[in-house]
Amino acid sequence: MNRPRPLSRLLLVLAVSAGSVLGLVGPATAAAPYCGLTWGSSPETDAGTSASVAVTGVRAGQHACFDRLVVDLRGRPLGGYDVRYVPVVHRDGSGAPVRVLGGAALQVVVHAPAYDTAGRPTVHVPDERVVVPVTGFRTLRQVASAGSFEGYTTLAVGTRARLPFRVLVLPGTAGDRLVIDVAHRW
């Protein structure tokens, strides 16, 4: 009479158990996006131009999942923008580097001047290193001016790290608003 050997029985039990466990495990799925955000960190641009728009203010706010930077404009429509991470933001006109706090530098170029047709400033910035205070924000570390030259205004935005962002143009009664949201994490 053939009696099952203990080693054969053990191997059979292990094989059946492994098959059961493997059969219960489903296919791998991607983790749900943070706060439902599906943004990336690639450049966002709009190449339009407009002669009737001027920057009138810059402000920032905190939200549950992201920090927000808003560039207020007089006139419509916004001519265009270019928002991207760069190793160093450079000052308009001179090309001098504008260093900012944080682990990454987000360059925000607005296709609108920060001065009127007579060359007078349309936005008051007492300290170019602190266009808008962001102390205590989770993602934004510094918002500095990189100048306004030949119809373009550039901001140097220091962020905690290279994080996902999105760009929106919101219409308003007095003018458009360029909105840059930077997520708190990936």
Protein backbone atom coordinates (compact mmCIF):
# COMPACT_ATOMS: atom_id res chain seq x y z
CA MET A 1 0.00 0.00 0.00
CA ASN A 2 1.30 3.41 -0.96
CA ARG A 3 1.16 5.83 1.87
CA PRO A 4 1.68 9.55 1.19
CA ARG A 5 4.99 10.77 2.35
CA PRO A 6 5.05 13.70 4.79
CA LEU A 7 7.27 15.78 2.47
CA SER A 8 4.93 15.24 -0.50
CA ARG A 9 1.95 16.19 1.62
CA LEU A 10 3.71 19.38 2.80
CA LEU A 11 4.58 20.38 -0.77
CA LEU A 12 0.98 19.77 -1.87
CA VAL A 13 -0.37 21.94 0.98
CA LEU A 14 2.11 24.74 0.16
CA ALA A 15 1.26 24.65 -3.55
CA VAL A 16 -2.49 24.81 -2.89
CA SER A 17 -2.01 27.61 -0.34
CA ALA A 18 0.19 29.64 -2.69
CA GLY A 19 -2.30 29.22 -5.51
CA SER A 20 -5.14 30.36 -3.27
CA VAL A 21 -3.26 33.41 -2.06
CA LEU A 22 -2.11 34.37 -5.54
CA GLY A 23 -5.61 33.92 -6.87
CA LEU A 24 -7.01 36.30 -4.26
CA VAL A 25 -4.56 39.09 -5.00
CA GLY A 26 -5.86 41.31 -7.78
CA PRO A 27 -3.83 43.23 -10.31
CA ALA A 28 -1.76 46.16 -9.06
CA THR A 29 -3.54 49.50 -9.22
CA ALA A 30 -2.14 53.01 -9.15
CA ALA A 31 -2.57 54.99 -5.97
CA ALA A 32 -5.36 57.55 -6.01
CA PRO A 33 -4.02 61.02 -6.89
CA TYR A 34 -3.43 63.42 -4.01
CA CYS A 35 -6.66 65.36 -3.41
CA GLY A 36 -7.83 64.17 -6.81
CA LEU A 37 -5.24 66.41 -8.50
CA THR A 38 -3.93 65.14 -11.83
CA TRP A 39 -1.55 68.00 -12.60
CA GLY A 40 2.06 67.65 -13.70
CA SER A 41 5.21 69.72 -13.53
CA SER A 42 5.78 70.26 -17.27
CA PRO A 43 5.76 73.80 -18.69
CA GLU A 44 2.39 75.42 -19.35
CA THR A 45 2.27 78.13 -22.00
CA ASP A 46 -0.05 80.30 -24.05
CA ALA A 47 1.74 82.24 -26.77
CA GLY A 48 -0.89 84.95 -27.24
CA THR A 49 -0.19 88.68 -27.12
CA SER A 50 -2.27 91.71 -26.16
CA ALA A 51 -1.43 95.40 -26.18
CA SER A 52 -4.20 96.47 -23.80
CA VAL A 53 -3.38 94.49 -20.64
CA ALA A 54 -1.25 95.48 -17.63
CA VAL A 55 -0.35 93.73 -14.37
CA THR A 56 -2.03 95.52 -11.43
CA GLY A 57 -1.38 93.20 -8.50
CA VAL A 58 -0.07 89.92 -7.19
CA ARG A 59 -1.57 88.00 -4.28
CA ALA A 60 -1.36 84.54 -2.76
CA GLY A 61 -3.60 82.21 -0.81
CA GLN A 62 -3.60 78.83 0.89
CA HIS A 63 -6.02 76.01 0.11
CA ALA A 64 -6.39 72.50 1.54
CA CYS A 65 -4.44 70.80 -1.26
CA PHE A 66 -2.43 73.60 -2.89
CA ASP A 67 -1.06 77.13 -2.58
CA ARG A 68 -2.34 79.70 -5.07
CA LEU A 69 -0.65 82.68 -6.73
CA VAL A 70 -2.87 85.19 -8.54
CA VAL A 71 -1.66 87.86 -10.95
CA ASP A 72 -4.35 90.54 -11.36
CA LEU A 73 -4.57 92.30 -14.71
CA ARG A 74 -6.28 95.40 -16.05
CA GLY A 75 -7.85 94.78 -19.43
CA ARG A 76 -8.78 91.69 -21.39
CA PRO A 77 -7.86 89.30 -22.79
CA LEU A 78 -4.59 88.21 -21.23
CA GLY A 79 -2.04 88.01 -24.01
CA GLY A 80 -0.32 84.86 -22.86
CA TYR A 81 1.97 83.29 -20.28
CA ASP A 82 4.81 80.84 -19.77
CA VAL A 83 5.05 78.99 -16.45
CA ARG A 84 7.82 76.44 -15.91
CA TYR A 85 10.39 75.12 -13.47
CA VAL A 86 13.90 76.39 -14.22
CA PRO A 87 17.27 75.97 -12.49
CA VAL A 88 17.45 79.77 -11.95
CA VAL A 89 15.08 82.59 -12.92
CA HIS A 90 16.80 85.47 -14.72
CA ARG A 91 15.94 89.16 -14.47
CA ASP A 92 14.23 90.67 -17.51
CA GLY A 93 16.55 92.95 -19.49
CA SER A 94 19.82 92.28 -17.64
CA GLY A 95 19.74 88.49 -17.37
CA ALA A 96 20.98 88.67 -13.77
CA PRO A 97 19.99 85.63 -11.69
CA VAL A 98 17.11 85.99 -9.23
CA ARG A 99 17.63 83.45 -6.47
CA VAL A 100 14.61 82.34 -4.43
CA LEU A 101 14.09 80.28 -1.30
CA GLY A 102 13.00 76.66 -1.60
CA GLY A 103 14.02 73.52 -3.42
CA ALA A 104 12.74 74.60 -6.85
CA ALA A 105 12.22 77.78 -8.87
CA LEU A 106 9.03 78.33 -10.84
CA GLN A 107 9.39 81.04 -13.49
CA VAL A 108 6.13 82.87 -14.25
CA VAL A 109 6.24 85.06 -17.36
CA VAL A 110 3.09 87.10 -17.98
CA HIS A 111 2.67 88.59 -21.46
CA ALA A 112 1.69 91.95 -19.98
CA PRO A 113 3.76 94.85 -18.61
CA ALA A 114 3.70 96.10 -15.03
CA TYR A 115 3.67 99.68 -16.32
CA ASP A 116 1.32 101.88 -18.37
CA THR A 117 1.91 103.47 -21.78
CA ALA A 118 3.72 106.39 -20.09
CA GLY A 119 6.10 104.00 -18.30
CA ARG A 120 4.52 104.48 -14.85
CA PRO A 121 4.26 101.36 -12.66
CA THR A 122 0.79 99.75 -12.54
CA VAL A 123 1.62 97.67 -9.48
CA HIS A 124 3.40 98.88 -6.34
CA VAL A 125 6.16 96.52 -5.18
CA PRO A 126 8.15 98.05 -2.29
CA ASP A 127 10.56 95.08 -2.10
CA GLU A 128 11.28 93.08 -5.26
CA ARG A 129 12.41 90.13 -3.12
CA VAL A 130 8.97 89.88 -1.48
CA VAL A 131 6.26 90.72 -4.00
CA VAL A 132 3.72 88.99 -1.79
CA PRO A 133 4.45 87.44 1.64
CA VAL A 134 4.10 83.64 1.76
CA THR A 135 5.53 82.89 5.20
CA GLY A 136 3.80 79.82 6.63
CA PHE A 137 2.58 78.49 3.28
CA ARG A 138 3.03 74.74 2.77
CA THR A 139 4.42 74.94 -0.78
CA LEU A 140 5.28 78.53 -1.71
CA ARG A 141 8.53 79.80 -0.14
CA GLN A 142 9.08 83.16 -1.88
CA VAL A 143 7.58 85.30 -4.64
CA ALA A 144 10.11 87.75 -6.07
CA SER A 145 10.03 90.13 -9.01
CA ALA A 146 12.35 89.44 -11.94
CA GLY A 147 11.27 92.66 -13.63
CA SER A 148 8.97 93.93 -16.34
CA PHE A 149 10.59 94.60 -19.69
CA GLU A 150 9.31 95.08 -23.23
CA GLY A 151 5.76 94.05 -22.39
CA TYR A 152 6.60 90.98 -20.29
CA THR A 153 6.51 90.67 -16.50
CA THR A 154 8.43 87.88 -14.79
CA LEU A 155 8.03 86.49 -11.28
CA ALA A 156 10.45 84.12 -9.57
CA VAL A 157 8.48 81.75 -7.34
CA GLY A 158 10.37 79.60 -4.87
CA THR A 159 8.60 76.34 -4.02
CA ARG A 160 9.37 73.69 -1.42
CA ALA A 161 10.19 71.20 -4.20
CA ARG A 162 9.35 70.56 -7.85
CA LEU A 163 5.66 69.88 -7.35
CA PRO A 164 2.67 69.60 -9.70
CA PHE A 165 1.03 72.84 -10.79
CA ARG A 166 -1.73 74.12 -13.03
CA VAL A 167 -2.38 77.45 -14.71
CA LEU A 168 -5.81 79.03 -15.18
CA VAL A 169 -6.95 82.27 -16.77
CA LEU A 170 -10.08 83.54 -15.03
CA PRO A 171 -12.10 86.38 -16.55
CA GLY A 172 -13.12 89.30 -14.38
CA THR A 173 -15.04 92.53 -14.89
CA ALA A 174 -11.96 94.78 -14.67
CA GLY A 175 -9.56 92.29 -16.23
CA ASP A 176 -8.38 88.72 -16.37
CA ARG A 177 -6.54 86.92 -13.59
CA LEU A 178 -3.69 84.51 -14.15
CA VAL A 179 -3.89 81.80 -11.48
CA ILE A 180 -1.06 79.39 -10.66
CA ASP A 181 -1.90 76.59 -8.22
CA VAL A 182 1.01 74.53 -6.84
CA ALA A 183 0.10 71.28 -5.07
CA HIS A 184 1.35 70.54 -1.58
CA ARG A 185 2.65 67.15 -2.72
CA TRP A 186 2.52 64.61 -5.55
